[in-house]
Amino acid sequence: MPTDRSLRVRDWGLVDYAVTFDAMRDFTAQRSADAQDELWLCEHHPVFTQGLAGRPDHVLVQSQIPIVQSNRGGQVTYHGPGQVVIYPLIDLKRAGYYVKEYVFKLEEAVIRTLADWHVTGLRVPSAPGIYVRPQSPSDHRAWHSTNTPENPFNQLAKISALGIKVSRHCTYHGIALNVAMDLSPFADINPCGYEGLQTVDLRTIGIQAPVDGVSQALVSHLAHLI
């Protein structure tokens, strides 16, 4: 389906991570200079994915859930049903901005999506993704780090992970936003490489939101931002 900036949106439904991973690499390797940018949205069957610099010791428990080595940035994370995943396939050179601005736009789209459900999304310096105050998710006060190893996130919990790859100025991989999922596998890892980091979804913080509704809201915000 087309969007207002000529992005093509493709809905993969519930799909194995390896299927979209291979497809993203192929799309990026084969795309021409005038190829239309795309947004791929999906949910994944349960899987742990490791980033390029992923350390094996961040996987705390060997379970039945497969671990897939990815070529995105970052450490280990979990994907599963009830989590909205969107992979933007964007030609940054043609779009006219750099990677740092692109990452900001991805995070901003998540923040605006959460705001649609009256949840305040927060950035943490040097820790990509979006965080919330699980005890007061609508609290709009500015957040300040304690800068202590014992509590680097100062009572925040992660609700959205981000990891990207850029090849020949073109992006793949993307963002995951937790809506209503089984969060227990996150206890088997140090999420995104942070020991003790709490992971939540919208349901956990008291927000009953349909996965498809959140997905469409995130697509809409991304289409306006990127």
N, C-alpha and C. Protein backbone atom coordinates (compact mmCIF):
# COMPACT_ATOMS: atom_id res chain seq x y z
N MET A 1 0.84 -1.19 0.00
CA MET A 1 0.00 0.00 0.00
C MET A 1 0.87 1.24 0.00
N PRO A 2 0.54 2.25 -0.80
CA PRO A 2 1.37 3.44 -0.87
C PRO A 2 1.16 4.34 0.34
N THR A 3 2.10 5.21 0.63
CA THR A 3 1.96 6.21 1.68
C THR A 3 2.13 7.58 1.06
N ASP A 4 2.06 8.63 1.91
CA ASP A 4 2.09 9.98 1.37
C ASP A 4 3.48 10.38 0.88
N ARG A 5 4.51 9.61 1.15
CA ARG A 5 5.84 9.96 0.62
C ARG A 5 6.34 8.85 -0.30
N SER A 6 5.46 8.14 -0.91
CA SER A 6 5.79 7.10 -1.88
C SER A 6 6.63 5.97 -1.28
N LEU A 7 6.40 5.70 -0.01
CA LEU A 7 6.96 4.50 0.60
C LEU A 7 6.03 3.34 0.33
N ARG A 8 6.59 2.23 -0.06
CA ARG A 8 5.77 1.03 -0.21
C ARG A 8 5.78 0.26 1.10
N VAL A 9 4.60 -0.11 1.58
CA VAL A 9 4.47 -0.84 2.84
C VAL A 9 4.11 -2.29 2.55
N ARG A 10 4.88 -3.19 3.11
CA ARG A 10 4.64 -4.61 2.92
C ARG A 10 4.41 -5.27 4.27
N ASP A 11 3.29 -5.95 4.41
CA ASP A 11 2.94 -6.62 5.66
C ASP A 11 3.25 -8.11 5.53
N TRP A 12 4.25 -8.57 6.30
CA TRP A 12 4.67 -9.97 6.25
C TRP A 12 3.86 -10.85 7.19
N GLY A 13 3.08 -10.26 8.08
CA GLY A 13 2.35 -11.06 9.05
C GLY A 13 3.31 -11.68 10.07
N LEU A 14 2.95 -12.87 10.56
CA LEU A 14 3.81 -13.59 11.50
C LEU A 14 4.77 -14.45 10.69
N VAL A 15 6.06 -14.22 10.84
CA VAL A 15 7.04 -14.81 9.94
C VAL A 15 8.32 -15.13 10.70
N ASP A 16 9.04 -16.14 10.26
CA ASP A 16 10.35 -16.45 10.84
C ASP A 16 11.32 -15.30 10.60
N TYR A 17 12.13 -15.02 11.59
CA TYR A 17 13.11 -13.94 11.47
C TYR A 17 14.05 -14.17 10.28
N ALA A 18 14.51 -15.40 10.09
CA ALA A 18 15.47 -15.68 9.03
C ALA A 18 14.91 -15.34 7.65
N VAL A 19 13.61 -15.49 7.47
CA VAL A 19 12.99 -15.20 6.17
C VAL A 19 13.12 -13.72 5.84
N THR A 20 12.78 -12.85 6.79
CA THR A 20 12.88 -11.42 6.52
C THR A 20 14.33 -10.96 6.49
N PHE A 21 15.18 -11.56 7.31
CA PHE A 21 16.60 -11.21 7.30
C PHE A 21 17.20 -11.45 5.92
N ASP A 22 16.97 -12.63 5.37
CA ASP A 22 17.49 -12.94 4.03
C ASP A 22 16.88 -12.02 2.98
N ALA A 23 15.58 -11.74 3.11
CA ALA A 23 14.91 -10.90 2.12
C ALA A 23 15.43 -9.46 2.17
N MET A 24 15.70 -8.95 3.37
CA MET A 24 16.23 -7.59 3.50
C MET A 24 17.61 -7.46 2.85
N ARG A 25 18.45 -8.46 3.11
CA ARG A 25 19.79 -8.42 2.52
C ARG A 25 19.72 -8.48 0.99
N ASP A 26 18.84 -9.35 0.48
CA ASP A 26 18.71 -9.48 -0.97
C ASP A 26 18.16 -8.19 -1.58
N PHE A 27 17.14 -7.62 -0.94
CA PHE A 27 16.53 -6.39 -1.45
C PHE A 27 17.58 -5.28 -1.52
N THR A 28 18.37 -5.14 -0.45
CA THR A 28 19.35 -4.06 -0.37
C THR A 28 20.48 -4.27 -1.37
N ALA A 29 20.91 -5.51 -1.54
CA ALA A 29 22.00 -5.80 -2.48
C ALA A 29 21.58 -5.57 -3.92
N GLN A 30 20.30 -5.78 -4.23
CA GLN A 30 19.84 -5.73 -5.60
C GLN A 30 19.16 -4.42 -5.99
N ARG A 31 18.84 -3.57 -5.00
CA ARG A 31 18.05 -2.38 -5.32
C ARG A 31 18.84 -1.42 -6.20
N SER A 32 18.14 -0.78 -7.10
CA SER A 32 18.75 0.21 -7.99
C SER A 32 18.65 1.59 -7.37
N ALA A 33 19.30 2.55 -7.98
CA ALA A 33 19.32 3.91 -7.44
C ALA A 33 17.94 4.55 -7.40
N ASP A 34 17.04 4.10 -8.27
CA ASP A 34 15.70 4.67 -8.30
C ASP A 34 14.65 3.76 -7.67
N ALA A 35 15.09 2.71 -6.97
CA ALA A 35 14.15 1.78 -6.34
C ALA A 35 13.37 2.50 -5.24
N GLN A 36 12.10 2.19 -5.14
CA GLN A 36 11.24 2.81 -4.14
C GLN A 36 11.63 2.33 -2.74
N ASP A 37 11.66 3.26 -1.79
CA ASP A 37 11.88 2.87 -0.40
C ASP A 37 10.67 2.10 0.12
N GLU A 38 10.92 1.24 1.11
CA GLU A 38 9.86 0.39 1.63
C GLU A 38 9.88 0.34 3.14
N LEU A 39 8.72 0.04 3.73
CA LEU A 39 8.59 -0.30 5.14
C LEU A 39 8.02 -1.71 5.22
N TRP A 40 8.72 -2.59 5.90
CA TRP A 40 8.23 -3.95 6.10
C TRP A 40 7.78 -4.08 7.54
N LEU A 41 6.54 -4.50 7.75
CA LEU A 41 6.06 -4.72 9.10
C LEU A 41 5.73 -6.18 9.30
N CYS A 42 5.97 -6.64 10.52
CA CYS A 42 5.76 -8.06 10.80
C CYS A 42 5.75 -8.30 12.30
N GLU A 43 5.43 -9.53 12.67
CA GLU A 43 5.73 -10.10 13.97
C GLU A 43 6.58 -11.34 13.70
N HIS A 44 7.39 -11.71 14.67
CA HIS A 44 8.25 -12.87 14.48
C HIS A 44 7.88 -14.01 15.43
N HIS A 45 8.10 -15.24 14.95
CA HIS A 45 8.08 -16.38 15.85
C HIS A 45 9.21 -16.20 16.86
N PRO A 46 9.11 -16.78 18.06
CA PRO A 46 10.11 -16.55 19.10
C PRO A 46 11.54 -16.79 18.61
N VAL A 47 12.42 -15.80 18.84
CA VAL A 47 13.81 -15.89 18.41
C VAL A 47 14.64 -14.87 19.17
N PHE A 48 15.86 -15.26 19.52
CA PHE A 48 16.86 -14.32 20.00
C PHE A 48 17.74 -13.95 18.82
N THR A 49 18.07 -12.68 18.69
CA THR A 49 18.99 -12.26 17.63
C THR A 49 20.18 -11.55 18.26
N GLN A 50 21.36 -11.89 17.75
CA GLN A 50 22.60 -11.28 18.21
C GLN A 50 23.09 -10.27 17.18
N GLY A 51 23.52 -9.11 17.65
CA GLY A 51 24.11 -8.12 16.78
C GLY A 51 25.55 -8.46 16.45
N LEU A 52 26.15 -7.66 15.59
CA LEU A 52 27.52 -7.93 15.13
C LEU A 52 28.52 -8.02 16.28
N ALA A 53 28.34 -7.18 17.27
CA ALA A 53 29.26 -7.18 18.41
C ALA A 53 28.71 -7.97 19.59
N GLY A 54 27.68 -8.77 19.33
CA GLY A 54 27.01 -9.48 20.41
C GLY A 54 27.92 -10.43 21.17
N ARG A 55 27.88 -10.35 22.49
CA ARG A 55 28.70 -11.20 23.34
C ARG A 55 27.90 -12.41 23.81
N PRO A 56 28.45 -13.62 23.67
CA PRO A 56 27.72 -14.83 24.08
C PRO A 56 27.30 -14.82 25.54
N ASP A 57 28.08 -14.14 26.41
CA ASP A 57 27.75 -14.16 27.83
C ASP A 57 26.50 -13.35 28.16
N HIS A 58 25.98 -12.59 27.20
CA HIS A 58 24.72 -11.88 27.43
C HIS A 58 23.51 -12.80 27.25
N VAL A 59 23.73 -14.01 26.76
CA VAL A 59 22.69 -15.04 26.76
C VAL A 59 22.87 -15.84 28.04
N LEU A 60 21.96 -15.70 28.98
CA LEU A 60 22.12 -16.25 30.32
C LEU A 60 21.64 -17.68 30.44
N VAL A 61 20.65 -18.04 29.61
CA VAL A 61 20.03 -19.37 29.69
C VAL A 61 19.90 -19.93 28.28
N GLN A 62 20.33 -21.16 28.09
CA GLN A 62 20.11 -21.84 26.81
C GLN A 62 18.73 -22.49 26.83
N SER A 63 17.85 -22.02 25.98
CA SER A 63 16.47 -22.51 25.97
C SER A 63 16.14 -23.12 24.61
N GLN A 64 14.86 -23.40 24.42
CA GLN A 64 14.40 -23.94 23.14
C GLN A 64 14.29 -22.86 22.07
N ILE A 65 14.39 -21.61 22.47
CA ILE A 65 14.27 -20.51 21.51
C ILE A 65 15.57 -20.39 20.73
N PRO A 66 15.51 -20.39 19.40
CA PRO A 66 16.74 -20.32 18.61
C PRO A 66 17.44 -18.98 18.75
N ILE A 67 18.77 -19.00 18.58
CA ILE A 67 19.59 -17.79 18.56
C ILE A 67 20.13 -17.62 17.16
N VAL A 68 19.85 -16.47 16.55
CA VAL A 68 20.26 -16.20 15.18
C VAL A 68 21.29 -15.08 15.18
N GLN A 69 22.41 -15.32 14.53
CA GLN A 69 23.43 -14.27 14.37
C GLN A 69 23.00 -13.31 13.27
N SER A 70 22.91 -12.04 13.61
CA SER A 70 22.47 -11.03 12.67
C SER A 70 23.64 -10.11 12.30
N ASN A 71 23.45 -9.26 11.33
CA ASN A 71 24.49 -8.29 10.98
C ASN A 71 24.08 -6.86 11.32
N ARG A 72 23.10 -6.71 12.20
CA ARG A 72 22.73 -5.38 12.68
C ARG A 72 23.69 -4.96 13.79
N GLY A 73 23.59 -3.71 14.20
CA GLY A 73 24.34 -3.26 15.35
C GLY A 73 23.70 -3.74 16.64
N GLY A 74 24.43 -3.58 17.74
CA GLY A 74 23.86 -3.88 19.04
C GLY A 74 24.13 -5.29 19.53
N GLN A 75 23.54 -5.61 20.68
CA GLN A 75 23.73 -6.89 21.34
C GLN A 75 22.49 -7.76 21.13
N VAL A 76 22.23 -8.62 22.08
CA VAL A 76 21.16 -9.60 21.94
C VAL A 76 19.80 -9.00 22.31
N THR A 77 18.77 -9.39 21.58
CA THR A 77 17.40 -9.03 21.93
C THR A 77 16.48 -10.20 21.59
N TYR A 78 15.22 -10.05 21.96
CA TYR A 78 14.22 -11.09 21.73
C TYR A 78 13.10 -10.55 20.87
N HIS A 79 12.63 -11.37 19.94
CA HIS A 79 11.43 -11.07 19.16
C HIS A 79 10.41 -12.18 19.37
N GLY A 80 9.14 -11.80 19.42
CA GLY A 80 8.09 -12.80 19.55
C GLY A 80 6.74 -12.21 19.20
N PRO A 81 5.72 -13.06 19.08
CA PRO A 81 4.37 -12.58 18.77
C PRO A 81 3.91 -11.54 19.79
N GLY A 82 3.17 -10.55 19.30
CA GLY A 82 2.71 -9.48 20.17
C GLY A 82 3.65 -8.30 20.21
N GLN A 83 4.70 -8.37 19.42
CA GLN A 83 5.68 -7.28 19.29
C GLN A 83 5.63 -6.77 17.85
N VAL A 84 5.45 -5.47 17.68
CA VAL A 84 5.45 -4.87 16.35
C VAL A 84 6.90 -4.67 15.90
N VAL A 85 7.24 -5.21 14.75
CA VAL A 85 8.57 -5.04 14.17
C VAL A 85 8.43 -4.35 12.82
N ILE A 86 9.21 -3.31 12.62
CA ILE A 86 9.18 -2.60 11.33
C ILE A 86 10.60 -2.43 10.83
N TYR A 87 10.80 -2.82 9.58
CA TYR A 87 12.10 -2.71 8.92
C TYR A 87 12.00 -1.65 7.82
N PRO A 88 12.54 -0.46 8.03
CA PRO A 88 12.57 0.54 6.96
C PRO A 88 13.75 0.27 6.02
N LEU A 89 13.47 0.22 4.76
CA LEU A 89 14.49 0.02 3.72
C LEU A 89 14.61 1.34 2.96
N ILE A 90 15.52 2.19 3.45
CA ILE A 90 15.57 3.58 3.04
C ILE A 90 16.93 3.90 2.40
N ASP A 91 16.90 4.61 1.29
CA ASP A 91 18.11 5.13 0.66
C ASP A 91 18.43 6.47 1.33
N LEU A 92 19.38 6.46 2.28
CA LEU A 92 19.67 7.67 3.05
C LEU A 92 20.28 8.77 2.18
N LYS A 93 21.08 8.38 1.22
CA LYS A 93 21.68 9.39 0.34
C LYS A 93 20.61 10.14 -0.42
N ARG A 94 19.63 9.43 -0.92
CA ARG A 94 18.55 10.07 -1.65
C ARG A 94 17.65 10.88 -0.71
N ALA A 95 17.45 10.35 0.51
CA ALA A 95 16.61 11.04 1.49
C ALA A 95 17.28 12.32 2.00
N GLY A 96 18.62 12.34 1.99
CA GLY A 96 19.33 13.56 2.32
C GLY A 96 19.69 13.74 3.78
N TYR A 97 19.81 12.64 4.53
CA TYR A 97 20.27 12.78 5.91
C TYR A 97 21.18 11.62 6.29
N TYR A 98 21.88 11.80 7.42
CA TYR A 98 22.89 10.84 7.85
C TYR A 98 22.31 9.85 8.86
N VAL A 99 23.12 8.88 9.22
CA VAL A 99 22.66 7.79 10.07
C VAL A 99 22.16 8.29 11.42
N LYS A 100 22.88 9.22 12.03
CA LYS A 100 22.49 9.72 13.35
C LYS A 100 21.09 10.33 13.31
N GLU A 101 20.80 11.10 12.27
CA GLU A 101 19.48 11.70 12.13
C GLU A 101 18.43 10.62 11.85
N TYR A 102 18.81 9.62 11.07
CA TYR A 102 17.90 8.52 10.79
C TYR A 102 17.49 7.81 12.09
N VAL A 103 18.46 7.51 12.94
CA VAL A 103 18.17 6.85 14.21
C VAL A 103 17.24 7.72 15.06
N PHE A 104 17.49 9.02 15.08
CA PHE A 104 16.63 9.94 15.81
C PHE A 104 15.19 9.86 15.28
N LYS A 105 15.03 9.80 13.97
CA LYS A 105 13.71 9.73 13.38
C LYS A 105 12.99 8.42 13.76
N LEU A 106 13.72 7.32 13.78
CA LEU A 106 13.12 6.06 14.18
C LEU A 106 12.62 6.14 15.62
N GLU A 107 13.46 6.66 16.49
CA GLU A 107 13.06 6.78 17.89
C GLU A 107 11.89 7.75 18.03
N GLU A 108 11.91 8.83 17.28
CA GLU A 108 10.82 9.81 17.36
C GLU A 108 9.49 9.20 16.91
N ALA A 109 9.52 8.33 15.92
CA ALA A 109 8.30 7.66 15.47
C ALA A 109 7.72 6.79 16.59
N VAL A 110 8.59 6.10 17.32
CA VAL A 110 8.12 5.30 18.46
C VAL A 110 7.55 6.20 19.54
N ILE A 111 8.24 7.30 19.85
CA ILE A 111 7.75 8.23 20.87
C ILE A 111 6.37 8.75 20.51
N ARG A 112 6.17 9.12 19.25
CA ARG A 112 4.86 9.64 18.82
C ARG A 112 3.79 8.56 18.84
N THR A 113 4.18 7.32 18.53
CA THR A 113 3.22 6.21 18.59
C THR A 113 2.79 5.98 20.03
N LEU A 114 3.73 5.94 20.95
CA LEU A 114 3.38 5.77 22.36
C LEU A 114 2.48 6.90 22.85
N ALA A 115 2.75 8.12 22.38
CA ALA A 115 1.93 9.26 22.79
C ALA A 115 0.48 9.10 22.34
N ASP A 116 0.26 8.38 21.25
CA ASP A 116 -1.12 8.13 20.81
C ASP A 116 -1.91 7.37 21.86
N TRP A 117 -1.21 6.63 22.71
CA TRP A 117 -1.84 5.89 23.82
C TRP A 117 -1.49 6.52 25.17
N HIS A 118 -1.11 7.80 25.13
CA HIS A 118 -0.84 8.59 26.34
C HIS A 118 0.28 8.00 27.18
N VAL A 119 1.30 7.48 26.51
CA VAL A 119 2.49 6.95 27.17
C VAL A 119 3.68 7.83 26.77
N THR A 120 4.49 8.20 27.75
CA THR A 120 5.66 9.04 27.49
C THR A 120 6.87 8.17 27.21
N GLY A 121 7.38 8.23 25.98
CA GLY A 121 8.58 7.51 25.63
C GLY A 121 9.81 8.38 25.87
N LEU A 122 10.88 7.77 26.35
CA LEU A 122 12.07 8.50 26.75
C LEU A 122 13.31 7.94 26.09
N ARG A 123 14.23 8.81 25.73
CA ARG A 123 15.53 8.40 25.24
C ARG A 123 16.53 8.34 26.39
N VAL A 124 17.49 7.42 26.27
CA VAL A 124 18.59 7.33 27.22
C VAL A 124 19.89 7.51 26.44
N PRO A 125 20.72 8.49 26.78
CA PRO A 125 21.96 8.72 26.03
C PRO A 125 22.81 7.46 25.96
N SER A 126 23.32 7.18 24.76
CA SER A 126 24.22 6.04 24.50
C SER A 126 23.55 4.68 24.69
N ALA A 127 22.23 4.66 24.75
CA ALA A 127 21.50 3.39 24.87
C ALA A 127 20.31 3.44 23.92
N PRO A 128 20.53 3.15 22.62
CA PRO A 128 19.47 3.30 21.62
C PRO A 128 18.20 2.53 22.00
N GLY A 129 17.09 3.06 21.54
CA GLY A 129 15.79 2.49 21.85
C GLY A 129 14.97 3.49 22.64
N ILE A 130 13.79 3.04 23.07
CA ILE A 130 12.89 3.92 23.81
C ILE A 130 12.50 3.25 25.12
N TYR A 131 12.41 4.07 26.16
CA TYR A 131 12.17 3.60 27.52
C TYR A 131 10.94 4.30 28.09
N VAL A 132 10.35 3.70 29.13
CA VAL A 132 9.20 4.28 29.81
C VAL A 132 9.40 4.16 31.32
N ARG A 133 8.62 4.94 32.05
CA ARG A 133 8.52 4.78 33.49
C ARG A 133 7.39 3.80 33.76
N PRO A 134 7.68 2.53 34.09
CA PRO A 134 6.60 1.54 34.21
C PRO A 134 5.59 1.85 35.31
N GLN A 135 6.02 2.56 36.34
CA GLN A 135 5.10 2.89 37.43
C GLN A 135 4.25 4.12 37.12
N SER A 136 4.68 4.94 36.20
CA SER A 136 3.93 6.15 35.84
C SER A 136 4.17 6.46 34.36
N PRO A 137 3.62 5.62 33.47
CA PRO A 137 3.96 5.72 32.04
C PRO A 137 3.54 7.01 31.36
N SER A 138 2.61 7.77 31.97
CA SER A 138 2.18 9.03 31.36
C SER A 138 2.88 10.24 31.94
N ASP A 139 3.87 10.02 32.80
CA ASP A 139 4.60 11.09 33.44
C ASP A 139 5.46 11.82 32.40
N HIS A 140 5.22 13.12 32.23
CA HIS A 140 5.92 13.90 31.21
C HIS A 140 7.18 14.59 31.71
N ARG A 141 7.53 14.39 32.97
CA ARG A 141 8.72 15.07 33.48
C ARG A 141 9.97 14.60 32.75
N ALA A 142 10.94 15.48 32.63
CA ALA A 142 12.22 15.12 32.02
C ALA A 142 12.89 14.05 32.86
N TRP A 143 13.62 13.18 32.17
CA TRP A 143 14.33 12.10 32.86
C TRP A 143 15.80 12.44 32.99
N HIS A 144 16.38 12.08 34.14
CA HIS A 144 17.80 12.33 34.37
C HIS A 144 18.46 11.05 34.87
N SER A 145 19.57 10.69 34.26
CA SER A 145 20.30 9.49 34.66
C SER A 145 20.97 9.71 36.00
N THR A 146 21.04 8.64 36.79
CA THR A 146 21.79 8.70 38.04
C THR A 146 23.28 8.46 37.79
N ASN A 147 23.59 7.93 36.59
CA ASN A 147 24.98 7.65 36.22
C ASN A 147 25.69 6.74 37.22
N THR A 148 24.94 5.79 37.76
CA THR A 148 25.54 4.83 38.68
C THR A 148 25.44 3.44 38.07
N PRO A 149 26.47 2.62 38.18
CA PRO A 149 26.42 1.27 37.61
C PRO A 149 25.29 0.43 38.17
N GLU A 150 24.91 0.69 39.42
CA GLU A 150 23.86 -0.12 40.04
C GLU A 150 22.49 0.17 39.45
N ASN A 151 22.31 1.35 38.91
CA ASN A 151 20.99 1.74 38.39
C ASN A 151 21.14 2.74 37.26
N PRO A 152 21.76 2.33 36.14
CA PRO A 152 22.03 3.30 35.07
C PRO A 152 20.77 3.84 34.40
N PHE A 153 19.67 3.11 34.52
CA PHE A 153 18.45 3.55 33.83
C PHE A 153 17.46 4.23 34.77
N ASN A 154 17.80 4.33 36.04
CA ASN A 154 17.04 5.16 36.98
C ASN A 154 15.54 4.89 36.92
N GLN A 155 15.17 3.64 37.18
CA GLN A 155 13.76 3.22 37.28
C GLN A 155 13.03 3.24 35.95
N LEU A 156 13.76 3.18 34.86
CA LEU A 156 13.13 3.04 33.55
C LEU A 156 13.09 1.58 33.12
N ALA A 157 12.25 1.29 32.15
CA ALA A 157 12.18 -0.03 31.53
C ALA A 157 12.13 0.16 30.02
N LYS A 158 12.70 -0.80 29.30
CA LYS A 158 12.76 -0.69 27.84
C LYS A 158 11.49 -1.24 27.22
N ILE A 159 10.93 -0.48 26.29
CA ILE A 159 9.73 -0.92 25.59
C ILE A 159 9.96 -1.06 24.09
N SER A 160 11.06 -0.50 23.59
CA SER A 160 11.34 -0.55 22.15
C SER A 160 12.83 -0.66 21.91
N ALA A 161 13.21 -1.65 21.10
CA ALA A 161 14.61 -1.86 20.75
C ALA A 161 14.87 -1.39 19.32
N LEU A 162 16.12 -1.03 19.07
CA LEU A 162 16.50 -0.49 17.76
C LEU A 162 17.84 -1.09 17.35
N GLY A 163 17.92 -1.53 16.11
CA GLY A 163 19.18 -2.02 15.56
C GLY A 163 19.13 -1.90 14.05
N ILE A 164 20.16 -1.33 13.46
CA ILE A 164 20.13 -1.10 12.01
C ILE A 164 21.41 -1.57 11.35
N LYS A 165 21.33 -1.69 10.05
CA LYS A 165 22.48 -1.95 9.18
C LYS A 165 22.38 -0.99 8.01
N VAL A 166 23.53 -0.40 7.62
CA VAL A 166 23.55 0.48 6.45
C VAL A 166 24.56 -0.07 5.46
N SER A 167 24.11 -0.31 4.24
CA SER A 167 24.95 -0.83 3.17
C SER A 167 24.74 0.02 1.93
N ARG A 168 25.82 0.58 1.42
CA ARG A 168 25.74 1.45 0.23
C ARG A 168 24.71 2.57 0.43
N HIS A 169 24.71 3.16 1.62
CA HIS A 169 23.82 4.26 2.01
C HIS A 169 22.37 3.80 2.21
N CYS A 170 22.11 2.50 2.17
CA CYS A 170 20.74 2.00 2.29
C CYS A 170 20.58 1.21 3.59
N THR A 171 19.46 1.43 4.25
CA THR A 171 19.22 0.84 5.57
C THR A 171 18.43 -0.45 5.48
N TYR A 172 18.68 -1.32 6.46
CA TYR A 172 17.75 -2.40 6.77
C TYR A 172 17.87 -2.75 8.24
N HIS A 173 17.12 -3.77 8.67
CA HIS A 173 16.78 -3.97 10.08
C HIS A 173 15.98 -2.75 10.54
N GLY A 174 15.75 -2.58 11.86
CA GLY A 174 14.90 -1.47 12.25
C GLY A 174 14.53 -1.44 13.71
N ILE A 175 13.22 -1.39 13.99
CA ILE A 175 12.74 -1.17 15.35
C ILE A 175 11.70 -2.21 15.74
N ALA A 176 11.64 -2.47 17.05
CA ALA A 176 10.65 -3.39 17.60
C ALA A 176 9.98 -2.70 18.78
N LEU A 177 8.66 -2.72 18.82
CA LEU A 177 7.88 -2.09 19.88
C LEU A 177 7.02 -3.16 20.54
N ASN A 178 7.19 -3.32 21.84
CA ASN A 178 6.50 -4.37 22.59
C ASN A 178 5.08 -3.92 22.92
N VAL A 179 4.10 -4.71 22.47
CA VAL A 179 2.70 -4.34 22.66
C VAL A 179 2.02 -5.27 23.67
N ALA A 180 1.90 -6.54 23.34
CA ALA A 180 1.24 -7.51 24.22
C ALA A 180 1.85 -8.87 23.95
N MET A 181 2.97 -9.16 24.60
CA MET A 181 3.74 -10.34 24.28
C MET A 181 4.14 -11.10 25.54
N ASP A 182 4.66 -12.29 25.37
CA ASP A 182 5.25 -13.04 26.46
C ASP A 182 6.63 -12.46 26.71
N LEU A 183 6.78 -11.80 27.84
CA LEU A 183 8.04 -11.13 28.15
C LEU A 183 9.06 -12.03 28.85
N SER A 184 8.64 -13.24 29.21
CA SER A 184 9.53 -14.09 30.02
C SER A 184 10.86 -14.40 29.35
N PRO A 185 10.96 -14.55 28.01
CA PRO A 185 12.27 -14.84 27.41
C PRO A 185 13.31 -13.73 27.65
N PHE A 186 12.87 -12.51 27.90
CA PHE A 186 13.84 -11.45 28.17
C PHE A 186 14.65 -11.73 29.44
N ALA A 187 14.10 -12.56 30.33
CA ALA A 187 14.82 -12.92 31.55
C ALA A 187 15.99 -13.85 31.26
N ASP A 188 16.02 -14.44 30.07
CA ASP A 188 17.10 -15.36 29.70
C ASP A 188 18.30 -14.64 29.09
N ILE A 189 18.21 -13.32 28.94
CA ILE A 189 19.28 -12.55 28.32
C ILE A 189 19.52 -11.26 29.12
N ASN A 190 20.63 -10.61 28.84
CA ASN A 190 20.82 -9.21 29.23
C ASN A 190 20.32 -8.38 28.06
N PRO A 191 19.10 -7.86 28.12
CA PRO A 191 18.51 -7.20 26.95
C PRO A 191 19.39 -6.07 26.42
N CYS A 192 19.76 -6.20 25.15
CA CYS A 192 20.60 -5.21 24.49
C CYS A 192 21.95 -5.03 25.19
N GLY A 193 22.34 -6.05 25.97
CA GLY A 193 23.64 -6.03 26.62
C GLY A 193 23.66 -5.38 27.99
N TYR A 194 22.49 -5.07 28.56
CA TYR A 194 22.44 -4.39 29.85
C TYR A 194 21.92 -5.33 30.93
N GLU A 195 22.79 -5.67 31.85
CA GLU A 195 22.42 -6.57 32.94
C GLU A 195 21.34 -5.94 33.81
N GLY A 196 20.27 -6.70 34.04
CA GLY A 196 19.21 -6.24 34.93
C GLY A 196 18.23 -5.27 34.32
N LEU A 197 18.37 -4.95 33.05
CA LEU A 197 17.44 -4.01 32.42
C LEU A 197 16.06 -4.63 32.33
N GLN A 198 15.07 -3.95 32.89
CA GLN A 198 13.69 -4.43 32.82
C GLN A 198 13.11 -4.16 31.43
N THR A 199 12.38 -5.13 30.91
CA THR A 199 11.70 -4.98 29.63
C THR A 199 10.20 -5.08 29.85
N VAL A 200 9.45 -4.16 29.26
CA VAL A 200 8.00 -4.13 29.42
C VAL A 200 7.33 -4.04 28.06
N ASP A 201 6.03 -4.24 28.06
CA ASP A 201 5.22 -3.96 26.88
C ASP A 201 4.07 -3.05 27.30
N LEU A 202 3.27 -2.64 26.32
CA LEU A 202 2.15 -1.75 26.66
C LEU A 202 1.19 -2.40 27.63
N ARG A 203 0.93 -3.69 27.46
CA ARG A 203 -0.01 -4.38 28.34
C ARG A 203 0.47 -4.37 29.78
N THR A 204 1.78 -4.59 29.98
CA THR A 204 2.35 -4.62 31.33
C THR A 204 2.16 -3.30 32.05
N ILE A 205 2.22 -2.18 31.34
CA ILE A 205 2.08 -0.88 31.98
C ILE A 205 0.64 -0.38 31.95
N GLY A 206 -0.30 -1.31 31.66
CA GLY A 206 -1.72 -1.01 31.81
C GLY A 206 -2.41 -0.48 30.57
N ILE A 207 -1.77 -0.58 29.41
CA ILE A 207 -2.36 -0.08 28.17
C ILE A 207 -2.84 -1.25 27.33
N GLN A 208 -4.14 -1.32 27.10
CA GLN A 208 -4.71 -2.34 26.24
C GLN A 208 -4.80 -1.79 24.82
N ALA A 209 -3.90 -2.22 23.98
CA ALA A 209 -3.83 -1.69 22.61
C ALA A 209 -3.74 -2.86 21.64
N PRO A 210 -4.47 -2.80 20.52
CA PRO A 210 -4.37 -3.87 19.52
C PRO A 210 -3.04 -3.81 18.79
N VAL A 211 -2.44 -4.96 18.56
CA VAL A 211 -1.15 -5.00 17.88
C VAL A 211 -1.23 -4.37 16.51
N ASP A 212 -2.30 -4.67 15.77
CA ASP A 212 -2.40 -4.12 14.42
C ASP A 212 -2.61 -2.60 14.46
N GLY A 213 -3.30 -2.10 15.49
CA GLY A 213 -3.49 -0.66 15.62
C GLY A 213 -2.19 0.06 15.90
N VAL A 214 -1.38 -0.51 16.79
CA VAL A 214 -0.08 0.08 17.09
C VAL A 214 0.82 0.03 15.86
N SER A 215 0.75 -1.09 15.14
CA SER A 215 1.56 -1.24 13.94
C SER A 215 1.22 -0.16 12.91
N GLN A 216 -0.06 0.06 12.67
CA GLN A 216 -0.46 1.06 11.68
C GLN A 216 -0.10 2.48 12.14
N ALA A 217 -0.19 2.74 13.43
CA ALA A 217 0.19 4.06 13.95
C ALA A 217 1.68 4.29 13.75
N LEU A 218 2.49 3.27 14.02
CA LEU A 218 3.93 3.41 13.86
C LEU A 218 4.30 3.59 12.39
N VAL A 219 3.65 2.85 11.51
CA VAL A 219 3.87 3.04 10.07
C VAL A 219 3.56 4.47 9.66
N SER A 220 2.45 4.99 10.15
CA SER A 220 2.04 6.36 9.79
C SER A 220 3.06 7.38 10.26
N HIS A 221 3.52 7.25 11.48
CA HIS A 221 4.51 8.21 11.99
C HIS A 221 5.84 8.08 11.24
N LEU A 222 6.24 6.87 10.96
CA LEU A 222 7.47 6.68 10.20
C LEU A 222 7.37 7.31 8.81
N ALA A 223 6.23 7.14 8.16
CA ALA A 223 6.05 7.67 6.82
C ALA A 223 6.15 9.20 6.80
N HIS A 224 5.75 9.85 7.88
CA HIS A 224 5.83 11.30 7.94
C HIS A 224 7.23 11.79 8.31
N LEU A 225 7.98 10.93 8.99
CA LEU A 225 9.28 11.36 9.49
C LEU A 225 10.46 11.02 8.57
N ILE A 226 10.37 9.87 7.90
CA ILE A 226 11.51 9.44 7.10
C ILE A 226 11.23 9.52 5.60
